[in-house]
């Protein structure tokens, strides 16, 4: 499965979290510590927010550790909020359109996990995407489908309810097709100022999820002590991190971090 990291807080360079950590997201693409797949080499992506409303987006199919353009851009781009993702495919093609994050207007989305037996469930899941958003469908992943279904269910008005509704639909479709594989989800979505993250599975074996405050070399302080939500801690200091429990979501704002129970 994949690994991802989200940051929100005082402006930093992308490299401060993508590269300059003991266990950075790029290091996790080589050797993840809390993932079924140790190596996440099926592409990467970064979505970052700056002075414009819509995020910048850079994705490619190279392994993150082997892309000199990523290292160069990360050393130059300063941002107050970004998403980064390294991919381990669960069956769909290794293409740029299947790399995360996925974006629409000011929104960005990324996911680690799977809809069980996606090849059986895909048609029914895609049928839930409204015509307005189906035109945005470029790849073949269940992850992109989750994002577009959530948009169709009102993500921009109420992200928590839209994501929970999307998960509920996926579970019912899996049941209808008698899927043998579980549903496993660790995802994050942002509107460019707030972040919502979700950890949920049908077999109580959700992909790992943490929130914390690694050293980012930021010049300013923030009201919110938590600045990072990620698949894995980026360092070995346990005082900086806490693990998110099963069936739990997070809502990050500039002032606080709220936990909530995911109801399906």
Foldseek 3Di string as FASTA:
>chain_A
DKKKKKFAAFKFFLCLQQPVFQAHNLNQCCANDFDPDRHQAQKKKKWFDDDDQATDIDIDRGRPNPDPVVVVRSVPDIGRIMMMMGHDDPDFDSGRLPYDFDDDGLKTKDKDWALFPCVQLVVVLQVLQDPVQNVVRDGRGVRVSLVRNLVSVPCVPPVQVSNLVSVVSSVVSCVVSVGPDKTAIWMWMDSNFKIKTWGEIPVQPHQWKKWFADDSVRPDDFLERTTMIISDDRHDDPVGMDTDHYQKMWMDHRHYIDIDGRDD
